[in-house]
Amino acid sequence: MKRTDLEYLAARGLLRGQNALLSLVVRAGFRRREQPPEQILVLRSSAIGDFVCALPALHRLRQRFPRSRIVLLTTPTGNPRYWRQMPDAGGRLLAGRELVDEVVFFYAHELIRPRQFLELRRRVRALAPDMTFLLPFSGEPFLNRLKKIVVLRLLGARFNLRGYEMQSSLGVFPRAQFLRGDFPHQVVSALQAVDGRDSLAEAHVVFA
């Protein structure tokens, strides 16, 4: 057996373990509601390029829940050099009213500043989301997803968290997974958070 085969088997086993651990965390922190959601919170941390890849997922989400109020929780561009030039990069420029009803921006550093964190928490709790979607990046590592789950719970999201399980991870033997074609396109990765692991980008996928 080749080294890459062993690495791949190890990666698959570790990834299953990571997904199982995240599932336990989610079950401990988030309750399930069966009725159709009235309020949906979507977390997608991104700059403009990353956000474009999430647009088909937002469109699919709107198709699935046409009567729900959808709020996008997102970051401006991650590079501090551009914060003053493009403070609303991503969400406000690209997410029209037909996709989301409101865009809530925050900077990552605000999460460790009590005043800003409490203000953001107040806004999320006021929304009282019945369902929360984490739109991950392709191969997003375990610790990134864990941190986002914890942040969402601390902000006041309590019900029906989706999108935290991954079929690949950049944190575990990425080359072995890449050679097997396990990393989905960024568009597909976000779509899978909405539709499930078998979701694919269809020919008529919408970017606007």
N, C-alpha and C. Protein backbone atom coordinates (compact mmCIF):
# COMPACT_ATOMS: atom_id res chain seq x y z
N MET A 1 0.84 -1.20 0.00
CA MET A 1 0.00 0.00 0.00
C MET A 1 0.88 1.25 0.00
N LYS A 2 0.56 2.19 -0.88
CA LYS A 2 1.36 3.41 -1.00
C LYS A 2 1.15 4.32 0.21
N ARG A 3 2.13 5.22 0.38
CA ARG A 3 2.04 6.16 1.50
C ARG A 3 0.80 7.04 1.39
N THR A 4 0.51 7.49 0.17
CA THR A 4 -0.67 8.34 0.00
C THR A 4 -1.96 7.59 0.33
N ASP A 5 -1.97 6.27 0.07
CA ASP A 5 -3.15 5.48 0.42
C ASP A 5 -3.34 5.42 1.94
N LEU A 6 -2.23 5.24 2.66
CA LEU A 6 -2.31 5.22 4.12
C LEU A 6 -2.74 6.58 4.66
N GLU A 7 -2.18 7.64 4.07
CA GLU A 7 -2.55 8.99 4.50
C GLU A 7 -4.03 9.24 4.23
N TYR A 8 -4.51 8.74 3.10
CA TYR A 8 -5.92 8.95 2.77
C TYR A 8 -6.83 8.22 3.76
N LEU A 9 -6.47 6.98 4.08
CA LEU A 9 -7.27 6.23 5.04
C LEU A 9 -7.27 6.92 6.41
N ALA A 10 -6.09 7.43 6.79
CA ALA A 10 -6.00 8.15 8.06
C ALA A 10 -6.84 9.42 8.02
N ALA A 11 -6.80 10.12 6.89
CA ALA A 11 -7.58 11.35 6.75
C ALA A 11 -9.07 11.07 6.85
N ARG A 12 -9.53 10.00 6.19
CA ARG A 12 -10.95 9.66 6.23
C ARG A 12 -11.39 9.31 7.65
N GLY A 13 -10.54 8.54 8.34
CA GLY A 13 -10.88 8.18 9.71
C GLY A 13 -10.92 9.37 10.64
N LEU A 14 -9.91 10.25 10.52
CA LEU A 14 -9.88 11.44 11.36
C LEU A 14 -11.05 12.37 11.05
N LEU A 15 -11.39 12.48 9.78
CA LEU A 15 -12.49 13.36 9.39
C LEU A 15 -13.82 12.85 9.94
N ARG A 16 -14.01 11.54 9.90
CA ARG A 16 -15.24 10.97 10.49
C ARG A 16 -15.29 11.25 11.99
N GLY A 17 -14.13 11.12 12.64
CA GLY A 17 -14.09 11.42 14.07
C GLY A 17 -14.36 12.88 14.36
N GLN A 18 -13.82 13.76 13.54
CA GLN A 18 -14.06 15.20 13.72
C GLN A 18 -15.52 15.54 13.53
N ASN A 19 -16.13 14.99 12.48
CA ASN A 19 -17.55 15.26 12.24
C ASN A 19 -18.41 14.73 13.38
N ALA A 20 -18.04 13.56 13.92
CA ALA A 20 -18.79 13.00 15.03
C ALA A 20 -18.67 13.89 16.27
N LEU A 21 -17.45 14.41 16.51
CA LEU A 21 -17.24 15.29 17.67
C LEU A 21 -18.03 16.58 17.51
N LEU A 22 -18.01 17.16 16.32
CA LEU A 22 -18.78 18.38 16.08
C LEU A 22 -20.27 18.12 16.25
N SER A 23 -20.71 16.95 15.82
CA SER A 23 -22.12 16.60 15.98
C SER A 23 -22.51 16.54 17.45
N LEU A 24 -21.62 16.02 18.29
CA LEU A 24 -21.89 15.99 19.73
C LEU A 24 -21.96 17.40 20.30
N VAL A 25 -21.04 18.26 19.86
CA VAL A 25 -21.05 19.65 20.32
C VAL A 25 -22.35 20.34 19.93
N VAL A 26 -22.77 20.12 18.69
CA VAL A 26 -24.00 20.76 18.20
C VAL A 26 -25.22 20.23 18.95
N ARG A 27 -25.28 18.92 19.17
CA ARG A 27 -26.42 18.36 19.89
C ARG A 27 -26.48 18.86 21.33
N ALA A 28 -25.31 19.13 21.91
CA ALA A 28 -25.28 19.64 23.28
C ALA A 28 -25.69 21.11 23.35
N GLY A 29 -25.39 21.87 22.29
CA GLY A 29 -25.62 23.31 22.35
C GLY A 29 -26.81 23.83 21.58
N PHE A 30 -27.32 23.02 20.64
CA PHE A 30 -28.41 23.48 19.78
C PHE A 30 -29.57 22.49 19.84
N ARG A 31 -30.77 23.00 19.98
CA ARG A 31 -31.96 22.16 19.98
C ARG A 31 -32.56 22.08 18.58
N ARG A 32 -33.38 21.06 18.38
CA ARG A 32 -34.02 20.87 17.08
C ARG A 32 -35.46 21.36 17.12
N ARG A 33 -35.86 22.01 16.04
CA ARG A 33 -37.25 22.40 15.84
C ARG A 33 -37.71 21.85 14.50
N GLU A 34 -38.87 21.23 14.50
CA GLU A 34 -39.34 20.56 13.29
C GLU A 34 -40.15 21.47 12.38
N GLN A 35 -40.76 22.51 12.91
CA GLN A 35 -41.61 23.36 12.09
C GLN A 35 -40.77 24.20 11.13
N PRO A 36 -41.36 24.64 10.00
CA PRO A 36 -40.63 25.49 9.06
C PRO A 36 -40.12 26.75 9.75
N PRO A 37 -38.88 27.15 9.47
CA PRO A 37 -38.30 28.30 10.17
C PRO A 37 -38.89 29.62 9.71
N GLU A 38 -39.12 30.50 10.66
CA GLU A 38 -39.54 31.86 10.34
C GLU A 38 -38.33 32.78 10.20
N GLN A 39 -37.30 32.52 10.99
CA GLN A 39 -36.10 33.35 10.99
C GLN A 39 -34.88 32.45 10.75
N ILE A 40 -34.08 32.78 9.75
CA ILE A 40 -32.90 31.99 9.41
C ILE A 40 -31.66 32.88 9.50
N LEU A 41 -30.65 32.39 10.21
CA LEU A 41 -29.36 33.09 10.30
C LEU A 41 -28.34 32.31 9.47
N VAL A 42 -27.58 33.02 8.64
CA VAL A 42 -26.56 32.40 7.80
C VAL A 42 -25.22 33.04 8.11
N LEU A 43 -24.24 32.22 8.49
CA LEU A 43 -22.89 32.73 8.74
C LEU A 43 -22.00 32.38 7.56
N ARG A 44 -21.42 33.41 6.96
CA ARG A 44 -20.44 33.22 5.89
C ARG A 44 -19.38 34.30 6.05
N SER A 45 -18.25 33.96 6.61
CA SER A 45 -17.16 34.92 6.75
C SER A 45 -16.41 34.97 5.43
N SER A 46 -16.26 36.17 4.86
CA SER A 46 -15.74 36.20 3.50
C SER A 46 -15.35 37.58 3.04
N ALA A 47 -14.47 37.59 2.03
CA ALA A 47 -14.24 38.76 1.21
C ALA A 47 -15.09 38.60 -0.05
N ILE A 48 -14.95 39.53 -0.99
CA ILE A 48 -15.85 39.52 -2.16
C ILE A 48 -15.73 38.23 -2.95
N GLY A 49 -14.51 37.79 -3.25
CA GLY A 49 -14.33 36.58 -4.05
C GLY A 49 -14.96 35.37 -3.40
N ASP A 50 -14.75 35.21 -2.10
CA ASP A 50 -15.35 34.09 -1.38
C ASP A 50 -16.87 34.20 -1.36
N PHE A 51 -17.34 35.43 -1.23
CA PHE A 51 -18.78 35.63 -1.12
C PHE A 51 -19.49 35.28 -2.43
N VAL A 52 -18.85 35.57 -3.56
CA VAL A 52 -19.44 35.22 -4.85
C VAL A 52 -19.74 33.72 -4.91
N CYS A 53 -18.82 32.91 -4.37
CA CYS A 53 -19.02 31.46 -4.38
C CYS A 53 -20.18 31.02 -3.50
N ALA A 54 -20.59 31.87 -2.57
CA ALA A 54 -21.71 31.53 -1.68
C ALA A 54 -23.06 31.96 -2.24
N LEU A 55 -23.07 32.77 -3.30
CA LEU A 55 -24.34 33.26 -3.83
C LEU A 55 -25.29 32.16 -4.28
N PRO A 56 -24.82 31.11 -4.98
CA PRO A 56 -25.75 30.04 -5.35
C PRO A 56 -26.39 29.37 -4.13
N ALA A 57 -25.64 29.23 -3.04
CA ALA A 57 -26.20 28.64 -1.83
C ALA A 57 -27.28 29.54 -1.24
N LEU A 58 -27.04 30.85 -1.25
CA LEU A 58 -28.06 31.77 -0.75
C LEU A 58 -29.31 31.74 -1.63
N HIS A 59 -29.10 31.62 -2.94
CA HIS A 59 -30.24 31.53 -3.85
C HIS A 59 -31.03 30.25 -3.59
N ARG A 60 -30.32 29.14 -3.39
CA ARG A 60 -30.98 27.87 -3.09
C ARG A 60 -31.73 27.95 -1.77
N LEU A 61 -31.13 28.62 -0.80
CA LEU A 61 -31.78 28.77 0.50
C LEU A 61 -33.07 29.56 0.38
N ARG A 62 -33.05 30.61 -0.43
CA ARG A 62 -34.27 31.40 -0.65
C ARG A 62 -35.34 30.57 -1.35
N GLN A 63 -34.92 29.71 -2.29
CA GLN A 63 -35.88 28.84 -2.96
C GLN A 63 -36.53 27.86 -1.98
N ARG A 64 -35.74 27.33 -1.07
CA ARG A 64 -36.26 26.35 -0.11
C ARG A 64 -37.17 26.99 0.93
N PHE A 65 -36.85 28.21 1.32
CA PHE A 65 -37.60 28.88 2.39
C PHE A 65 -38.06 30.27 1.92
N PRO A 66 -38.97 30.32 0.97
CA PRO A 66 -39.36 31.62 0.38
C PRO A 66 -40.06 32.55 1.36
N ARG A 67 -40.66 32.01 2.41
CA ARG A 67 -41.40 32.85 3.35
C ARG A 67 -40.60 33.20 4.60
N SER A 68 -39.42 32.65 4.71
CA SER A 68 -38.60 32.90 5.90
C SER A 68 -37.83 34.21 5.76
N ARG A 69 -37.56 34.82 6.88
CA ARG A 69 -36.69 36.00 6.92
C ARG A 69 -35.26 35.50 7.06
N ILE A 70 -34.41 35.86 6.11
CA ILE A 70 -33.03 35.37 6.09
C ILE A 70 -32.08 36.52 6.39
N VAL A 71 -31.25 36.33 7.40
CA VAL A 71 -30.27 37.34 7.80
C VAL A 71 -28.88 36.77 7.59
N LEU A 72 -28.05 37.50 6.86
CA LEU A 72 -26.67 37.09 6.60
C LEU A 72 -25.75 37.73 7.62
N LEU A 73 -25.01 36.91 8.33
CA LEU A 73 -24.00 37.37 9.29
C LEU A 73 -22.64 37.16 8.63
N THR A 74 -21.93 38.25 8.33
CA THR A 74 -20.71 38.12 7.54
C THR A 74 -19.68 39.15 7.94
N THR A 75 -18.46 38.94 7.46
CA THR A 75 -17.36 39.86 7.71
C THR A 75 -17.04 40.62 6.44
N PRO A 76 -16.51 41.84 6.56
CA PRO A 76 -15.95 42.51 5.38
C PRO A 76 -14.69 41.77 4.95
N THR A 77 -13.99 42.32 3.99
CA THR A 77 -12.75 41.70 3.55
C THR A 77 -11.84 41.44 4.74
N GLY A 78 -11.15 40.29 4.71
CA GLY A 78 -10.31 39.91 5.83
C GLY A 78 -9.03 40.69 5.96
N ASN A 79 -8.64 41.44 4.93
CA ASN A 79 -7.39 42.19 4.97
C ASN A 79 -7.62 43.56 5.60
N PRO A 80 -7.02 43.83 6.77
CA PRO A 80 -7.25 45.12 7.44
C PRO A 80 -6.89 46.33 6.60
N ARG A 81 -6.00 46.17 5.62
CA ARG A 81 -5.59 47.30 4.78
C ARG A 81 -6.77 47.88 4.01
N TYR A 82 -7.79 47.07 3.74
CA TYR A 82 -8.89 47.50 2.89
C TYR A 82 -10.16 47.81 3.68
N TRP A 83 -10.09 47.76 5.00
CA TRP A 83 -11.30 47.97 5.79
C TRP A 83 -11.90 49.35 5.55
N ARG A 84 -11.05 50.39 5.45
CA ARG A 84 -11.57 51.73 5.24
C ARG A 84 -12.01 51.95 3.80
N GLN A 85 -11.31 51.29 2.86
CA GLN A 85 -11.65 51.48 1.45
C GLN A 85 -12.93 50.74 1.08
N MET A 86 -13.10 49.54 1.63
CA MET A 86 -14.23 48.69 1.24
C MET A 86 -14.87 48.09 2.50
N PRO A 87 -15.44 48.91 3.36
CA PRO A 87 -15.97 48.38 4.61
C PRO A 87 -17.14 47.43 4.44
N ASP A 88 -17.84 47.52 3.31
CA ASP A 88 -18.99 46.65 3.10
C ASP A 88 -18.73 45.62 2.01
N ALA A 89 -17.44 45.32 1.77
CA ALA A 89 -17.11 44.37 0.71
C ALA A 89 -17.81 43.04 0.95
N GLY A 90 -18.32 42.48 -0.11
CA GLY A 90 -18.98 41.19 0.02
C GLY A 90 -20.47 41.32 0.17
N GLY A 91 -20.94 41.18 1.39
CA GLY A 91 -22.37 41.06 1.65
C GLY A 91 -23.24 42.14 1.10
N ARG A 92 -23.01 43.41 1.47
CA ARG A 92 -23.95 44.47 1.07
C ARG A 92 -23.90 44.73 -0.43
N LEU A 93 -22.73 44.51 -1.04
CA LEU A 93 -22.60 44.78 -2.46
C LEU A 93 -23.26 43.71 -3.32
N LEU A 94 -23.31 42.48 -2.81
CA LEU A 94 -23.72 41.37 -3.65
C LEU A 94 -25.02 40.69 -3.23
N ALA A 95 -25.39 40.83 -1.98
CA ALA A 95 -26.61 40.16 -1.52
C ALA A 95 -27.79 41.10 -1.64
N GLY A 96 -28.56 40.94 -2.67
CA GLY A 96 -29.72 41.80 -2.88
C GLY A 96 -30.88 41.38 -2.00
N ARG A 97 -31.92 42.17 -2.02
CA ARG A 97 -33.10 41.88 -1.21
C ARG A 97 -33.75 40.56 -1.60
N GLU A 98 -33.52 40.13 -2.85
CA GLU A 98 -34.15 38.89 -3.27
C GLU A 98 -33.48 37.67 -2.63
N LEU A 99 -32.26 37.82 -2.12
CA LEU A 99 -31.56 36.71 -1.50
C LEU A 99 -31.66 36.74 0.02
N VAL A 100 -31.38 37.88 0.61
CA VAL A 100 -31.45 38.00 2.07
C VAL A 100 -32.23 39.25 2.43
N ASP A 101 -32.77 39.25 3.63
CA ASP A 101 -33.56 40.39 4.10
C ASP A 101 -32.73 41.40 4.87
N GLU A 102 -31.60 40.95 5.40
CA GLU A 102 -30.75 41.85 6.17
C GLU A 102 -29.33 41.31 6.16
N VAL A 103 -28.35 42.22 6.20
CA VAL A 103 -26.94 41.85 6.30
C VAL A 103 -26.38 42.46 7.57
N VAL A 104 -25.80 41.62 8.41
CA VAL A 104 -25.16 42.07 9.65
C VAL A 104 -23.66 41.85 9.52
N PHE A 105 -22.91 42.95 9.59
CA PHE A 105 -21.45 42.88 9.46
C PHE A 105 -20.79 42.87 10.83
N PHE A 106 -19.68 42.16 10.92
CA PHE A 106 -18.84 42.25 12.11
C PHE A 106 -17.39 41.98 11.69
N TYR A 107 -16.47 42.52 12.47
CA TYR A 107 -15.04 42.23 12.29
C TYR A 107 -14.63 41.16 13.29
N ALA A 108 -13.72 40.28 12.88
CA ALA A 108 -13.32 39.18 13.74
C ALA A 108 -12.79 39.66 15.08
N HIS A 109 -12.05 40.78 15.07
CA HIS A 109 -11.47 41.25 16.32
C HIS A 109 -12.53 41.76 17.30
N GLU A 110 -13.73 42.06 16.80
CA GLU A 110 -14.79 42.52 17.69
C GLU A 110 -15.30 41.41 18.61
N LEU A 111 -15.04 40.16 18.23
CA LEU A 111 -15.51 39.05 19.04
C LEU A 111 -14.79 38.95 20.38
N ILE A 112 -13.62 39.59 20.49
CA ILE A 112 -12.89 39.56 21.77
C ILE A 112 -12.96 40.91 22.48
N ARG A 113 -13.81 41.80 21.99
CA ARG A 113 -14.03 43.09 22.65
C ARG A 113 -15.44 43.08 23.24
N PRO A 114 -15.54 43.10 24.56
CA PRO A 114 -16.84 42.88 25.21
C PRO A 114 -17.96 43.76 24.69
N ARG A 115 -17.72 45.05 24.51
CA ARG A 115 -18.80 45.94 24.11
C ARG A 115 -19.33 45.57 22.73
N GLN A 116 -18.41 45.39 21.76
CA GLN A 116 -18.84 45.04 20.40
C GLN A 116 -19.49 43.65 20.36
N PHE A 117 -18.92 42.72 21.13
CA PHE A 117 -19.48 41.37 21.14
C PHE A 117 -20.91 41.38 21.69
N LEU A 118 -21.12 42.10 22.78
CA LEU A 118 -22.45 42.15 23.38
C LEU A 118 -23.47 42.82 22.46
N GLU A 119 -23.02 43.81 21.69
CA GLU A 119 -23.92 44.46 20.73
C GLU A 119 -24.31 43.49 19.62
N LEU A 120 -23.31 42.74 19.12
CA LEU A 120 -23.60 41.74 18.09
C LEU A 120 -24.52 40.66 18.65
N ARG A 121 -24.28 40.25 19.86
CA ARG A 121 -25.12 39.24 20.50
C ARG A 121 -26.56 39.75 20.66
N ARG A 122 -26.69 41.02 21.00
CA ARG A 122 -28.03 41.60 21.13
C ARG A 122 -28.79 41.51 19.81
N ARG A 123 -28.10 41.77 18.70
CA ARG A 123 -28.76 41.74 17.40
C ARG A 123 -29.15 40.32 17.01
N VAL A 124 -28.28 39.36 17.29
CA VAL A 124 -28.59 37.98 16.95
C VAL A 124 -29.74 37.46 17.81
N ARG A 125 -29.71 37.77 19.09
CA ARG A 125 -30.78 37.32 19.99
C ARG A 125 -32.12 37.96 19.62
N ALA A 126 -32.08 39.21 19.15
CA ALA A 126 -33.31 39.87 18.71
C ALA A 126 -33.90 39.16 17.49
N LEU A 127 -33.04 38.63 16.63
CA LEU A 127 -33.51 37.87 15.48
C LEU A 127 -34.18 36.57 15.92
N ALA A 128 -33.63 35.93 16.97
CA ALA A 128 -34.15 34.66 17.48
C ALA A 128 -34.29 33.63 16.35
N PRO A 129 -33.18 33.24 15.70
CA PRO A 129 -33.28 32.35 14.54
C PRO A 129 -33.79 30.96 14.91
N ASP A 130 -34.71 30.45 14.08
CA ASP A 130 -35.20 29.09 14.24
C ASP A 130 -34.25 28.08 13.60
N MET A 131 -33.42 28.56 12.68
CA MET A 131 -32.48 27.71 11.96
C MET A 131 -31.24 28.53 11.63
N THR A 132 -30.08 27.90 11.73
CA THR A 132 -28.82 28.59 11.43
C THR A 132 -28.01 27.75 10.46
N PHE A 133 -27.48 28.40 9.43
CA PHE A 133 -26.64 27.72 8.45
C PHE A 133 -25.22 28.27 8.53
N LEU A 134 -24.28 27.36 8.63
CA LEU A 134 -22.87 27.69 8.51
C LEU A 134 -22.46 27.33 7.09
N LEU A 135 -22.12 28.33 6.27
CA LEU A 135 -21.70 28.07 4.90
C LEU A 135 -20.18 27.96 4.89
N PRO A 136 -19.64 26.74 4.87
CA PRO A 136 -18.20 26.55 5.02
C PRO A 136 -17.45 26.71 3.71
N PHE A 137 -16.15 26.85 3.83
CA PHE A 137 -15.27 26.83 2.67
C PHE A 137 -14.88 25.38 2.38
N SER A 138 -14.54 25.09 1.14
CA SER A 138 -14.14 23.74 0.78
C SER A 138 -12.92 23.31 1.61
N GLY A 139 -13.05 22.19 2.29
CA GLY A 139 -11.95 21.69 3.09
C GLY A 139 -11.69 22.47 4.37
N GLU A 140 -12.67 23.23 4.84
CA GLU A 140 -12.44 24.05 6.03
C GLU A 140 -12.04 23.16 7.21
N PRO A 141 -10.91 23.48 7.87
CA PRO A 141 -10.39 22.62 8.94
C PRO A 141 -11.33 22.53 10.14
N PHE A 142 -11.11 21.50 10.92
CA PHE A 142 -11.93 21.20 12.09
C PHE A 142 -11.99 22.36 13.08
N LEU A 143 -10.84 22.94 13.43
CA LEU A 143 -10.82 23.99 14.44
C LEU A 143 -11.58 25.23 13.97
N ASN A 144 -11.50 25.54 12.68
CA ASN A 144 -12.27 26.68 12.16
C ASN A 144 -13.76 26.46 12.36
N ARG A 145 -14.22 25.27 12.03
CA ARG A 145 -15.65 24.97 12.17
C ARG A 145 -16.07 24.96 13.63
N LEU A 146 -15.21 24.41 14.49
CA LEU A 146 -15.52 24.38 15.92
C LEU A 146 -15.64 25.79 16.48
N LYS A 147 -14.71 26.67 16.10
CA LYS A 147 -14.76 28.05 16.58
C LYS A 147 -16.04 28.74 16.13
N LYS A 148 -16.45 28.52 14.89
CA LYS A 148 -17.66 29.15 14.38
C LYS A 148 -18.91 28.63 15.10
N ILE A 149 -18.92 27.34 15.39
CA ILE A 149 -20.05 26.77 16.14
C ILE A 149 -20.15 27.41 17.52
N VAL A 150 -19.00 27.52 18.20
CA VAL A 150 -18.99 28.11 19.53
C VAL A 150 -19.42 29.58 19.48
N VAL A 151 -18.91 30.32 18.48
CA VAL A 151 -19.27 31.73 18.35
C VAL A 151 -20.77 31.88 18.12
N LEU A 152 -21.33 31.07 17.23
CA LEU A 152 -22.76 31.15 16.96
C LEU A 152 -23.59 30.88 18.22
N ARG A 153 -23.15 29.90 18.99
CA ARG A 153 -23.90 29.59 20.22
C ARG A 153 -23.79 30.73 21.22
N LEU A 154 -22.59 31.30 21.38
CA LEU A 154 -22.41 32.41 22.31
C LEU A 154 -23.18 33.65 21.88
N LEU A 155 -23.37 33.79 20.57
CA LEU A 155 -24.12 34.94 20.06
C LEU A 155 -25.62 34.78 20.26
N GLY A 156 -26.05 33.57 20.58
CA GLY A 156 -27.47 33.40 20.87
C GLY A 156 -28.23 32.49 19.92
N ALA A 157 -27.54 31.92 18.90
CA ALA A 157 -28.21 30.94 18.03
C ALA A 157 -28.40 29.65 18.82
N ARG A 158 -29.61 29.09 18.80
CA ARG A 158 -29.91 27.94 19.66
C ARG A 158 -30.54 26.76 18.95
N PHE A 159 -30.97 26.94 17.70
CA PHE A 159 -31.77 25.90 17.07
C PHE A 159 -31.22 25.51 15.70
N ASN A 160 -31.30 24.20 15.41
CA ASN A 160 -31.14 23.66 14.05
C ASN A 160 -29.93 24.21 13.31
N LEU A 161 -28.73 23.89 13.79
CA LEU A 161 -27.51 24.31 13.10
C LEU A 161 -27.21 23.33 11.98
N ARG A 162 -26.96 23.86 10.78
CA ARG A 162 -26.65 23.03 9.61
C ARG A 162 -25.33 23.50 8.98
N GLY A 163 -24.67 22.57 8.28
CA GLY A 163 -23.51 22.95 7.47
C GLY A 163 -22.16 22.78 8.12
N TYR A 164 -22.08 22.13 9.26
CA TYR A 164 -20.80 22.01 9.96
C TYR A 164 -20.02 20.75 9.58
N GLU A 165 -20.67 19.77 8.98
CA GLU A 165 -19.98 18.54 8.59
C GLU A 165 -19.31 18.73 7.23
N MET A 166 -18.11 18.15 7.08
CA MET A 166 -17.36 18.28 5.84
C MET A 166 -16.95 16.90 5.32
N GLN A 167 -16.78 16.79 4.01
CA GLN A 167 -16.31 15.54 3.43
C GLN A 167 -14.81 15.56 3.16
N SER A 168 -14.16 16.69 3.45
CA SER A 168 -12.71 16.81 3.28
C SER A 168 -12.21 17.89 4.23
N SER A 169 -10.89 17.90 4.49
CA SER A 169 -10.33 18.88 5.40
C SER A 169 -8.90 19.21 5.01
N LEU A 170 -8.61 20.50 4.91
CA LEU A 170 -7.25 20.93 4.62
C LEU A 170 -6.31 20.68 5.79
N GLY A 171 -6.86 20.36 6.95
CA GLY A 171 -6.04 20.15 8.14
C GLY A 171 -5.54 18.73 8.31
N VAL A 172 -5.93 17.80 7.42
CA VAL A 172 -5.57 16.39 7.59
C VAL A 172 -5.10 15.81 6.26
N PHE A 173 -3.79 15.65 6.08
CA PHE A 173 -3.23 15.07 4.86
C PHE A 173 -3.94 15.59 3.60
N PRO A 174 -3.89 16.88 3.33
CA PRO A 174 -4.65 17.45 2.21
C PRO A 174 -4.23 16.90 0.85
N ARG A 175 -2.94 16.61 0.67
CA ARG A 175 -2.50 16.11 -0.65
C ARG A 175 -3.16 14.78 -0.98
N ALA A 176 -3.24 13.89 0.00
CA ALA A 176 -3.86 12.58 -0.24
C ALA A 176 -5.33 12.74 -0.61
N GLN A 177 -6.01 13.68 0.02
CA GLN A 177 -7.42 13.92 -0.31
C GLN A 177 -7.55 14.57 -1.68
N PHE A 178 -6.63 15.49 -1.98
CA PHE A 178 -6.68 16.17 -3.27
C PHE A 178 -6.51 15.18 -4.41
N LEU A 179 -5.59 14.22 -4.26
CA LEU A 179 -5.35 13.24 -5.31
C LEU A 179 -6.57 12.35 -5.55
N ARG A 180 -7.41 12.21 -4.54
CA ARG A 180 -8.65 11.42 -4.69
C ARG A 180 -9.84 12.28 -5.13
N GLY A 181 -9.61 13.57 -5.30
CA GLY A 181 -10.68 14.45 -5.74
C GLY A 181 -11.73 14.72 -4.68
N ASP A 182 -11.32 14.74 -3.42
CA ASP A 182 -12.29 14.89 -2.34
C ASP A 182 -12.69 16.33 -2.06
N PHE A 183 -11.92 17.29 -2.54
CA PHE A 183 -12.24 18.68 -2.25
C PHE A 183 -13.25 19.22 -3.26
N PRO A 184 -14.46 19.52 -2.83
CA PRO A 184 -15.45 20.06 -3.76
C PRO A 184 -15.13 21.50 -4.13
N HIS A 185 -15.69 21.96 -5.23
CA HIS A 185 -15.56 23.37 -5.59
C HIS A 185 -16.16 24.22 -4.48
N GLN A 186 -15.65 25.45 -4.33
CA GLN A 186 -16.15 26.33 -3.28
C GLN A 186 -17.66 26.56 -3.40
N VAL A 187 -18.15 26.63 -4.62
CA VAL A 187 -19.60 26.80 -4.83
C VAL A 187 -20.35 25.59 -4.30
N VAL A 188 -19.85 24.40 -4.62
CA VAL A 188 -20.51 23.16 -4.20
C VAL A 188 -20.45 23.00 -2.69
N SER A 189 -19.33 23.38 -2.09
CA SER A 189 -19.20 23.26 -0.64
C SER A 189 -20.28 24.05 0.10
N ALA A 190 -20.53 25.27 -0.36
CA ALA A 190 -21.59 26.07 0.26
C ALA A 190 -22.97 25.49 -0.03
N LEU A 191 -23.18 25.00 -1.26
CA LEU A 191 -24.47 24.38 -1.60
C LEU A 191 -24.75 23.16 -0.74
N GLN A 192 -23.71 22.39 -0.44
CA GLN A 192 -23.90 21.19 0.37
C GLN A 192 -24.37 21.51 1.78
N ALA A 193 -24.01 22.69 2.27
CA ALA A 193 -24.49 23.10 3.59
C ALA A 193 -26.00 23.30 3.59
N VAL A 194 -26.55 23.65 2.43
CA VAL A 194 -27.99 23.91 2.31
C VAL A 194 -28.75 22.64 1.92
N ASP A 195 -28.19 21.88 0.98
CA ASP A 195 -28.92 20.74 0.41
C ASP A 195 -28.43 19.37 0.85
N GLY A 196 -27.28 19.31 1.50
CA GLY A 196 -26.74 18.02 1.89
C GLY A 196 -25.48 17.68 1.12
N ARG A 197 -24.81 16.62 1.53
CA ARG A 197 -23.49 16.29 1.00
C ARG A 197 -23.49 15.96 -0.49
N ASP A 198 -24.60 15.45 -0.99
CA ASP A 198 -24.65 15.03 -2.40
C ASP A 198 -25.02 16.16 -3.35
N SER A 199 -25.17 17.36 -2.84
CA SER A 199 -25.57 18.48 -3.68
C SER A 199 -24.47 18.82 -4.68
N LEU A 200 -24.89 19.16 -5.89
CA LEU A 200 -23.96 19.58 -6.95
C LEU A 200 -24.44 20.89 -7.54
N ALA A 201 -23.48 21.63 -8.12
CA ALA A 201 -23.84 22.86 -8.81
C ALA A 201 -24.48 22.50 -10.14
N GLU A 202 -25.74 22.83 -10.34
CA GLU A 202 -26.44 22.49 -11.56
C GLU A 202 -26.11 23.48 -12.67
N ALA A 203 -26.52 23.13 -13.88
CA ALA A 203 -26.20 23.98 -15.03
C ALA A 203 -26.80 25.37 -14.90
N HIS A 204 -27.94 25.47 -14.23
CA HIS A 204 -28.63 26.76 -14.12
C HIS A 204 -28.35 27.44 -12.78
N VAL A 205 -27.24 27.08 -12.14
CA VAL A 205 -26.91 27.67 -10.84
C VAL A 205 -26.86 29.19 -10.96
N VAL A 206 -27.40 29.88 -9.95
CA VAL A 206 -27.59 31.33 -10.02
C VAL A 206 -26.53 32.04 -9.20
N PHE A 207 -25.88 33.06 -9.81
CA PHE A 207 -24.88 33.86 -9.13
C PHE A 207 -25.35 35.29 -8.92
N ALA A 208 -26.59 35.57 -9.15
CA ALA A 208 -27.06 36.95 -9.01
C ALA A 208 -28.38 36.99 -8.26
